[in-house]
Amino acid sequence: MTDLAPLQKEQVLRGLPQPGEARPARRREGFWRRFFSLPAAVFGLLMLLFLIAIALSAPLIAPGDPFATSDDVLLRPSAQYPFGTDDLGRDVFRAVIHGARTSLLVGLLAAGSALALGVLIGASAGYAGGLLDDALMRITEMFQIVPRFFLVLVIVSLLGSNLWLVILLLGLTFWPGIARLLRGQVLSIRSRDYVLAARAIGVPEHTILVRHVLPGALPPIITQAALLVGSAIVVEAGLSFLGLGDRSVVSWGALLNDAQQFVRTAWWMSVFPGLAITMTVLTLNLIADGINEAWDPRLQS
């Protein structure tokens, strides 16, 4: 292993692919080609971009205060009020549009923080092994055995409703799945020939992990992160539906909470926020499925 040719040593040090190892650029090109060949994945991506555009331009699409009340109480959907009004005369369309900001913010930040923490712990455990691996996995299992929604529910009940607290709690409870999945990926990659060759010629361990191990281990993690965005949106909506969400911001779950007693008489109050949650989670699931299928080794030439 130590008798590598000078050229091969230079390639390993620079992070270039070795014989039998796919070139990163070619692998990325193949991924995007397969991804955009999947109609469902493309539809999901376009829908996600559409939802992000709506969230960013909410003040332009539905100007005004989403909490503003009026005398137009419980009006059916019309040209003036596309989604009708609620029992306080609030415009449901305006509330749903502004609620997209809250849901996407919670989903993206919670999944992002869980991804960062899960990658740190999973990569460290899988690559280091030994006592560190055992200790980190025991901590991971401790977080996994506690029901996620129940834990968030109890803490929010004790500390009060705050959007940033919910995001923090979701990030701290979503990471174990990512950590365990990444650990398994790292364990399978760290013993491959090109990793052993890099270690044999003196490449620093952190460089091996970042440039040789993680790039091959992250694709399934990205799929998992896309699913976590939808899960975070559902959990936040569930908390708001139970009346434990942050009432200072518009939330789809809070709209459903307000609509409980008007399901029979004002169906639009619950249907439109419910459709928004359903479409957003479905969109993220389509993207996750597309990423998973595009990275499937059986589809690689």
Protein backbone atom coordinates (compact mmCIF):
# COMPACT_ATOMS: atom_id res chain seq x y z
CA MET A 1 0.00 0.00 0.00
CA THR A 2 2.94 2.29 0.69
CA ASP A 3 4.57 1.61 -2.71
CA LEU A 4 2.30 3.94 -4.61
CA ALA A 5 3.57 5.57 -7.77
CA PRO A 6 4.49 9.27 -7.31
CA LEU A 7 1.69 10.32 -9.67
CA GLN A 8 -0.88 8.28 -7.75
CA LYS A 9 0.35 9.76 -4.46
CA GLU A 10 -0.13 13.25 -5.88
CA GLN A 11 -3.65 12.33 -7.03
CA VAL A 12 -4.56 11.04 -3.57
CA LEU A 13 -3.19 14.14 -1.88
CA ARG A 14 -5.17 16.38 -4.22
CA GLY A 15 -8.34 14.36 -3.72
CA LEU A 16 -8.49 13.15 -7.34
CA PRO A 17 -10.37 9.90 -8.10
CA GLN A 18 -8.37 6.70 -8.24
CA PRO A 19 -8.84 3.77 -10.64
CA GLY A 20 -12.30 2.32 -10.12
CA GLU A 21 -13.53 5.46 -8.38
CA ALA A 22 -16.07 7.60 -10.32
CA ARG A 23 -15.06 11.20 -11.02
CA PRO A 24 -17.06 13.62 -8.82
CA ALA A 25 -17.97 15.92 -11.72
CA ARG A 26 -19.17 13.05 -13.87
CA ARG A 27 -21.09 11.59 -10.93
CA ARG A 28 -22.82 14.92 -10.30
CA GLU A 29 -23.68 15.31 -13.99
CA GLY A 30 -25.16 11.82 -14.01
CA PHE A 31 -27.16 12.56 -10.89
CA TRP A 32 -28.75 15.71 -12.30
CA ARG A 33 -29.45 14.01 -15.64
CA ARG A 34 -31.29 11.17 -13.91
CA PHE A 35 -33.04 13.53 -11.49
CA PHE A 36 -34.47 15.72 -14.27
CA SER A 37 -35.56 12.60 -16.15
CA LEU A 38 -37.99 11.80 -13.30
CA PRO A 39 -41.30 13.66 -13.87
CA ALA A 40 -42.42 13.37 -10.25
CA ALA A 41 -39.10 14.72 -8.95
CA VAL A 42 -39.15 17.64 -11.40
CA PHE A 43 -42.74 18.43 -10.42
CA GLY A 44 -41.75 18.36 -6.74
CA LEU A 45 -38.79 20.66 -7.34
CA LEU A 46 -40.91 23.15 -9.31
CA MET A 47 -43.57 23.08 -6.61
CA LEU A 48 -40.96 23.72 -3.91
CA LEU A 49 -39.56 26.67 -5.84
CA PHE A 50 -43.13 27.93 -6.27
CA LEU A 51 -43.79 27.66 -2.53
CA ILE A 52 -40.53 29.45 -1.70
CA ALA A 53 -41.42 32.21 -4.15
CA ILE A 54 -44.84 32.57 -2.50
CA ALA A 55 -43.27 32.73 0.96
CA LEU A 56 -40.74 35.36 -0.07
CA SER A 57 -43.28 37.52 -1.89
CA ALA A 58 -46.16 37.08 0.58
CA PRO A 59 -46.43 40.86 1.30
CA LEU A 60 -46.84 41.46 -2.44
CA ILE A 61 -49.25 38.60 -3.16
CA ALA A 62 -51.44 39.21 -0.10
CA PRO A 63 -50.65 42.68 1.27
CA GLY A 64 -51.88 43.70 4.66
CA ASP A 65 -51.88 42.31 8.17
CA PRO A 66 -52.93 38.61 8.19
CA PHE A 67 -54.35 39.14 11.69
CA ALA A 68 -56.54 42.08 10.61
CA THR A 69 -60.23 41.54 11.37
CA SER A 70 -63.30 42.93 9.62
CA ASP A 71 -67.09 42.76 9.62
CA ASP A 72 -67.03 40.25 6.73
CA VAL A 73 -67.49 37.21 8.94
CA LEU A 74 -67.60 33.63 7.61
CA LEU A 75 -67.93 34.60 3.96
CA ARG A 76 -67.61 31.88 1.34
CA PRO A 77 -64.75 31.98 -1.21
CA SER A 78 -65.36 34.76 -3.72
CA ALA A 79 -63.50 37.14 -6.00
CA GLN A 80 -62.86 39.46 -3.08
CA TYR A 81 -61.88 36.68 -0.70
CA PRO A 82 -60.52 33.70 -2.74
CA PHE A 83 -60.35 31.46 0.34
CA GLY A 84 -63.23 33.06 2.24
CA THR A 85 -63.07 34.63 5.70
CA ASP A 86 -63.04 33.19 9.21
CA ASP A 87 -65.22 33.87 12.25
CA LEU A 88 -63.34 37.10 12.99
CA GLY A 89 -63.50 38.39 9.43
CA ARG A 90 -59.86 37.61 8.66
CA ASP A 91 -58.90 36.85 5.07
CA VAL A 92 -58.05 33.13 4.93
CA PHE A 93 -56.13 33.54 1.65
CA ARG A 94 -53.87 36.16 3.20
CA ALA A 95 -53.34 33.98 6.27
CA VAL A 96 -52.47 30.89 4.20
CA ILE A 97 -49.99 32.82 2.04
CA HIS A 98 -48.25 34.35 5.07
CA GLY A 99 -48.36 30.98 6.84
CA ALA A 100 -46.11 29.55 4.12
CA ARG A 101 -43.30 31.68 5.54
CA THR A 102 -43.65 30.17 8.99
CA SER A 103 -43.90 26.57 7.80
CA LEU A 104 -40.96 26.74 5.39
CA LEU A 105 -38.84 28.61 7.92
CA VAL A 106 -39.49 25.95 10.57
CA GLY A 107 -38.95 23.08 8.14
CA LEU A 108 -35.73 24.35 6.57
CA LEU A 109 -34.07 25.59 9.76
CA ALA A 110 -35.03 22.54 11.83
CA ALA A 111 -33.87 20.11 9.14
CA GLY A 112 -30.71 22.15 8.54
CA SER A 113 -29.72 22.14 12.21
CA ALA A 114 -30.53 18.43 12.51
CA LEU A 115 -28.44 17.75 9.40
CA ALA A 116 -25.44 19.67 10.78
CA LEU A 117 -25.60 17.94 14.17
CA GLY A 118 -26.28 14.52 12.68
CA VAL A 119 -23.39 14.79 10.20
CA LEU A 120 -21.00 15.90 12.94
CA ILE A 121 -21.92 13.07 15.31
CA GLY A 122 -22.41 10.35 12.68
CA ALA A 123 -19.18 11.10 10.81
CA SER A 124 -17.17 11.32 14.03
CA ALA A 125 -18.58 8.05 15.35
CA GLY A 126 -18.21 6.11 12.11
CA TYR A 127 -14.73 7.31 11.23
CA ALA A 128 -13.14 7.26 14.70
CA GLY A 129 -14.71 4.02 15.92
CA GLY A 130 -13.77 2.56 19.29
CA LEU A 131 -14.87 4.21 22.52
CA LEU A 132 -15.94 7.43 20.81
CA ASP A 133 -18.22 5.48 18.50
CA ASP A 134 -19.76 3.58 21.42
CA ALA A 135 -20.29 6.75 23.47
CA LEU A 136 -21.86 8.73 20.62
CA MET A 137 -24.15 5.86 19.64
CA ARG A 138 -25.37 5.45 23.23
CA ILE A 139 -26.22 9.16 23.30
CA THR A 140 -27.98 8.79 19.95
CA GLU A 141 -30.04 5.87 21.25
CA MET A 142 -31.05 7.88 24.31
CA PHE A 143 -32.51 10.57 22.04
CA GLN A 144 -34.21 7.97 19.84
CA ILE A 145 -36.10 6.17 22.61
CA VAL A 146 -37.92 9.35 23.68
CA PRO A 147 -41.05 10.06 21.58
CA ARG A 148 -40.15 13.14 19.55
CA PHE A 149 -43.53 14.85 19.49
CA PHE A 150 -44.18 14.12 23.16
CA LEU A 151 -40.83 15.62 24.20
CA VAL A 152 -41.39 18.79 22.16
CA LEU A 153 -44.95 19.01 23.47
CA VAL A 154 -43.84 18.82 27.12
CA ILE A 155 -41.02 21.37 26.76
CA VAL A 156 -43.17 23.86 24.85
CA SER A 157 -45.90 23.47 27.49
CA LEU A 158 -43.41 24.25 30.25
CA LEU A 159 -41.40 27.03 28.60
CA GLY A 160 -44.12 28.67 26.54
CA SER A 161 -44.83 29.01 22.84
CA ASN A 162 -42.00 30.46 20.79
CA LEU A 163 -41.22 29.76 17.14
CA TRP A 164 -37.45 29.72 17.66
CA LEU A 165 -37.79 27.36 20.60
CA VAL A 166 -39.79 24.97 18.41
CA ILE A 167 -37.12 25.13 15.69
CA LEU A 168 -34.38 24.44 18.25
CA LEU A 169 -36.25 21.51 19.78
CA LEU A 170 -36.97 19.95 16.40
CA GLY A 171 -33.33 20.26 15.38
CA LEU A 172 -32.26 18.61 18.64
CA THR A 173 -34.68 15.71 18.22
CA PHE A 174 -34.39 15.03 14.47
CA TRP A 175 -30.63 14.40 14.27
CA PRO A 176 -30.37 10.78 15.59
CA GLY A 177 -31.71 9.22 12.38
CA ILE A 178 -29.22 11.17 10.27
CA ALA A 179 -26.35 10.31 12.63
CA ARG A 180 -27.03 6.56 12.54
CA LEU A 181 -27.48 6.52 8.77
CA LEU A 182 -24.28 8.48 8.15
CA ARG A 183 -22.32 6.34 10.60
CA GLY A 184 -23.24 3.23 8.61
CA GLN A 185 -22.19 4.92 5.36
CA VAL A 186 -18.86 6.04 6.80
CA LEU A 187 -18.14 2.58 8.21
CA SER A 188 -18.53 1.07 4.75
CA ILE A 189 -16.38 3.70 3.01
CA ARG A 190 -13.50 4.17 5.44
CA SER A 191 -11.99 0.75 4.60
CA ARG A 192 -11.96 1.20 0.82
CA ASP A 193 -8.66 1.11 -1.04
CA TYR A 194 -8.44 4.78 -1.92
CA VAL A 195 -9.03 5.77 1.72
CA LEU A 196 -6.36 3.34 2.91
CA ALA A 197 -3.99 4.65 0.25
CA ALA A 198 -4.52 8.23 1.37
CA ARG A 199 -3.85 7.28 4.97
CA ALA A 200 -0.72 5.31 4.00
CA ILE A 201 0.95 8.28 2.35
CA GLY A 202 0.27 10.58 5.29
CA VAL A 203 -2.84 12.51 4.28
CA PRO A 204 -4.31 14.11 7.46
CA GLU A 205 -7.29 12.27 8.88
CA HIS A 206 -9.61 15.29 8.70
CA THR A 207 -8.72 15.71 5.02
CA ILE A 208 -9.50 12.06 4.33
CA LEU A 209 -12.85 12.39 6.07
CA VAL A 210 -13.86 15.60 4.28
CA ARG A 211 -12.49 14.93 0.78
CA HIS A 212 -12.70 11.14 0.44
CA VAL A 213 -15.29 9.74 2.84
CA LEU A 214 -18.09 12.29 3.25
CA PRO A 215 -18.74 12.95 -0.48
CA GLY A 216 -19.68 9.32 -0.99
CA ALA A 217 -21.70 9.09 2.22
CA LEU A 218 -23.87 12.20 1.94
CA PRO A 219 -26.38 11.36 -0.86
CA PRO A 220 -28.70 9.22 1.33
CA ILE A 221 -28.32 11.82 4.08
CA ILE A 222 -29.59 14.55 1.76
CA THR A 223 -32.61 12.37 1.00
CA GLN A 224 -33.27 11.97 4.71
CA ALA A 225 -32.90 15.72 5.27
CA ALA A 226 -35.52 16.45 2.59
CA LEU A 227 -37.95 14.17 4.41
CA LEU A 228 -37.17 15.88 7.72
CA VAL A 229 -38.25 19.25 6.31
CA GLY A 230 -41.74 17.83 5.79
CA SER A 231 -41.71 16.15 9.20
CA ALA A 232 -40.77 19.42 10.91
CA ILE A 233 -43.61 21.23 9.14
CA VAL A 234 -46.08 18.57 10.30
CA VAL A 235 -44.85 18.68 13.91
CA GLU A 236 -45.06 22.48 14.04
CA ALA A 237 -48.54 22.36 12.54
CA GLY A 238 -49.52 19.74 15.13
CA LEU A 239 -48.30 21.91 17.99
CA SER A 240 -50.14 24.93 16.62
CA PHE A 241 -53.28 22.85 16.10
CA LEU A 242 -53.15 21.91 19.79
CA GLY A 243 -52.83 25.60 20.70
CA LEU A 244 -49.14 25.36 21.66
CA GLY A 245 -47.70 27.21 18.68
CA ASP A 246 -46.40 30.75 18.58
CA ARG A 247 -49.55 32.87 18.21
CA SER A 248 -47.52 35.93 17.22
CA VAL A 249 -46.95 34.42 13.76
CA VAL A 250 -49.37 32.98 11.22
CA SER A 251 -49.27 29.19 11.10
CA TRP A 252 -51.22 26.67 9.06
CA GLY A 253 -51.70 24.60 12.20
CA ALA A 254 -53.11 27.60 14.06
CA LEU A 255 -55.57 28.18 11.23
CA LEU A 256 -56.75 24.59 11.58
CA ASN A 257 -57.08 25.11 15.32
CA ASP A 258 -59.32 28.13 14.73
CA ALA A 259 -61.40 26.16 12.21
CA GLN A 260 -62.25 23.22 14.49
CA GLN A 261 -65.68 24.41 15.53
CA PHE A 262 -66.57 25.59 12.02
CA VAL A 263 -65.81 22.42 10.04
CA ARG A 264 -69.48 21.93 9.07
CA THR A 265 -70.52 25.54 8.63
CA ALA A 266 -67.32 27.06 7.13
CA TRP A 267 -65.42 24.25 5.40
CA TRP A 268 -63.00 26.68 3.71
CA MET A 269 -61.41 27.57 7.02
CA SER A 270 -59.94 24.08 7.36
CA VAL A 271 -59.69 22.89 3.76
CA PHE A 272 -57.25 25.47 2.43
CA PRO A 273 -54.69 25.34 5.29
CA GLY A 274 -54.97 21.54 5.22
CA LEU A 275 -54.32 21.47 1.47
CA ALA A 276 -51.30 23.75 1.96
CA ILE A 277 -49.76 21.36 4.49
CA THR A 278 -50.55 18.32 2.32
CA MET A 279 -49.11 19.81 -0.86
CA THR A 280 -45.94 21.02 0.88
CA VAL A 281 -45.20 17.66 2.51
CA LEU A 282 -46.05 15.80 -0.73
CA THR A 283 -43.70 18.09 -2.65
CA LEU A 284 -40.82 17.36 -0.27
CA ASN A 285 -41.49 13.61 -0.42
CA LEU A 286 -41.37 13.70 -4.23
CA ILE A 287 -38.04 15.52 -4.12
CA ALA A 288 -36.64 13.03 -1.58
CA ASP A 289 -37.76 10.07 -3.70
CA GLY A 290 -36.20 11.69 -6.76
CA ILE A 291 -32.87 12.24 -5.01
CA ASN A 292 -32.86 8.67 -3.75
CA GLU A 293 -33.62 7.23 -7.18
CA ALA A 294 -31.10 9.47 -8.95
CA TRP A 295 -28.33 8.37 -6.58
CA ASP A 296 -29.27 4.67 -6.81
CA PRO A 297 -26.05 2.88 -7.89
CA ARG A 298 -28.08 0.43 -9.97
CA LEU A 299 -29.01 3.32 -12.28
CA GLN A 300 -25.39 4.42 -12.79
CA SER A 301 -23.69 3.45 -16.03
